[in-house]
Amino acid sequence: MKGLPLILVLLSSSANAQYFKYSDIASSPPADQNMYIAGVVDALAQTPSINICLGRTLRMKAGQLTTNVMNYAAGRPALHALGMADVVAAYLKEACPQASSPGKSFRQ
């Protein structure tokens, strides 16, 4: 019975995981950053233009993508209050400008 409150806290925390901001992730250990950004990228990769950007243009391992996203956002204070999906999308939009041209479905 003592473990029940902890389980409830963990379950409620995971439900809000998709809403972590850059500032939350920046203070996490690198392994957690990798896992979280990989999940964000996996969700975003359902968009054809992002999938093309990741698969054909960037072709990098998850750890390198995490490093690039975190470095990109670190120098842009306006991104620090945004959710990680928006931060990753902003990075990809700049890294693959051809994929974000008019008519493509890149996050705004």
Protein backbone atom coordinates (compact mmCIF):
# COMPACT_ATOMS: atom_id res chain seq x y z
CA MET A 1 0.00 0.00 0.00
CA LYS A 2 2.93 2.35 0.59
CA GLY A 3 3.96 2.09 -3.07
CA LEU A 4 0.54 3.13 -4.40
CA PRO A 5 1.08 6.91 -4.06
CA LEU A 6 4.41 6.63 -5.88
CA ILE A 7 2.80 4.66 -8.70
CA LEU A 8 0.05 7.27 -9.00
CA VAL A 9 2.60 10.08 -9.17
CA LEU A 10 4.61 8.26 -11.84
CA LEU A 11 1.51 7.57 -13.90
CA SER A 12 0.34 11.16 -13.72
CA SER A 13 3.83 12.44 -14.59
CA SER A 14 4.10 10.31 -17.70
CA ALA A 15 0.78 11.63 -18.94
CA ASN A 16 2.29 15.13 -18.96
CA ALA A 17 5.62 14.10 -20.51
CA GLN A 18 4.66 15.39 -23.94
CA TYR A 19 4.46 18.89 -22.51
CA PHE A 20 8.00 19.23 -21.24
CA LYS A 21 9.65 22.48 -22.24
CA TYR A 22 13.21 23.00 -23.38
CA SER A 23 14.08 24.42 -19.96
CA ASP A 24 12.91 21.16 -18.33
CA ILE A 25 14.84 18.94 -20.72
CA ALA A 26 18.00 21.08 -20.61
CA SER A 27 18.42 20.30 -16.93
CA SER A 28 18.00 16.53 -17.48
CA PRO A 29 20.85 14.04 -17.86
CA PRO A 30 21.97 13.43 -21.47
CA ALA A 31 20.45 9.93 -21.55
CA ASP A 32 17.05 11.37 -20.61
CA GLN A 33 17.44 14.10 -23.22
CA ASN A 34 18.18 11.45 -25.86
CA MET A 35 15.13 9.39 -24.95
CA TYR A 36 12.79 12.35 -24.80
CA ILE A 37 13.95 13.93 -28.06
CA ALA A 38 13.85 10.53 -29.78
CA GLY A 39 10.19 10.27 -28.75
CA VAL A 40 9.46 13.77 -30.03
CA VAL A 41 11.21 13.00 -33.32
CA ASP A 42 9.33 9.73 -33.64
CA ALA A 43 6.04 11.57 -33.28
CA LEU A 44 7.07 14.34 -35.68
CA ALA A 45 8.41 11.86 -38.25
CA GLN A 46 4.81 10.98 -39.12
CA THR A 47 4.84 14.22 -41.14
CA PRO A 48 6.27 13.48 -44.62
CA SER A 49 8.45 16.59 -44.82
CA ILE A 50 10.04 15.88 -41.44
CA ASN A 51 10.54 12.24 -42.33
CA ILE A 52 12.35 13.27 -45.53
CA CYS A 53 14.46 15.77 -43.60
CA LEU A 54 15.51 13.16 -41.05
CA GLY A 55 15.95 10.25 -43.43
CA ARG A 56 17.47 11.83 -46.51
CA THR A 57 18.99 15.15 -45.52
CA LEU A 58 20.33 14.89 -41.97
CA ARG A 59 20.99 11.14 -41.62
CA MET A 60 22.40 11.33 -38.10
CA LYS A 61 22.20 9.15 -35.05
CA ALA A 62 19.83 10.04 -32.21
CA GLY A 63 22.64 11.24 -29.94
CA GLN A 64 23.94 13.66 -32.56
CA LEU A 65 20.42 14.94 -33.24
CA THR A 66 19.91 15.53 -29.51
CA THR A 67 23.22 17.42 -29.27
CA ASN A 68 22.33 19.55 -32.28
CA VAL A 69 18.82 20.35 -31.03
CA MET A 70 20.05 21.24 -27.54
CA ASN A 71 22.88 23.43 -28.91
CA TYR A 72 20.49 25.11 -31.34
CA ALA A 73 18.01 25.95 -28.58
CA ALA A 74 20.66 26.96 -26.04
CA GLY A 75 21.56 29.97 -28.15
CA ARG A 76 17.96 31.02 -28.69
CA PRO A 77 16.36 32.18 -25.42
CA ALA A 78 12.99 32.62 -27.13
CA LEU A 79 12.80 28.83 -27.48
CA HIS A 80 13.42 28.09 -23.80
CA ALA A 81 9.76 28.47 -22.82
CA LEU A 82 8.48 26.35 -25.72
CA GLY A 83 7.59 22.69 -25.67
CA MET A 84 10.23 20.34 -27.04
CA ALA A 85 8.12 19.44 -30.09
CA ASP A 86 8.22 23.10 -31.12
CA VAL A 87 11.96 23.33 -30.41
CA VAL A 88 12.73 20.21 -32.45
CA ALA A 89 10.49 21.44 -35.28
CA ALA A 90 12.26 24.83 -35.28
CA TYR A 91 15.64 23.09 -35.50
CA LEU A 92 14.50 20.84 -38.33
CA LYS A 93 12.94 23.75 -40.19
CA GLU A 94 16.30 25.51 -40.19
CA ALA A 95 18.34 22.37 -40.83
CA CYS A 96 16.17 21.34 -43.79
CA PRO A 97 14.81 24.54 -45.34
CA GLN A 98 13.83 22.73 -48.54
CA ALA A 99 11.47 20.51 -46.51
CA SER A 100 9.71 23.53 -45.01
CA SER A 101 9.01 25.33 -48.26
CA PRO A 102 5.43 26.41 -49.09
CA GLY A 103 3.11 23.49 -49.62
CA LYS A 104 4.98 21.27 -47.18
CA SER A 105 3.49 20.38 -43.82
CA PHE A 106 6.18 21.51 -41.38
CA ARG A 107 5.18 22.66 -37.88
CA GLN A 108 4.80 26.41 -37.64
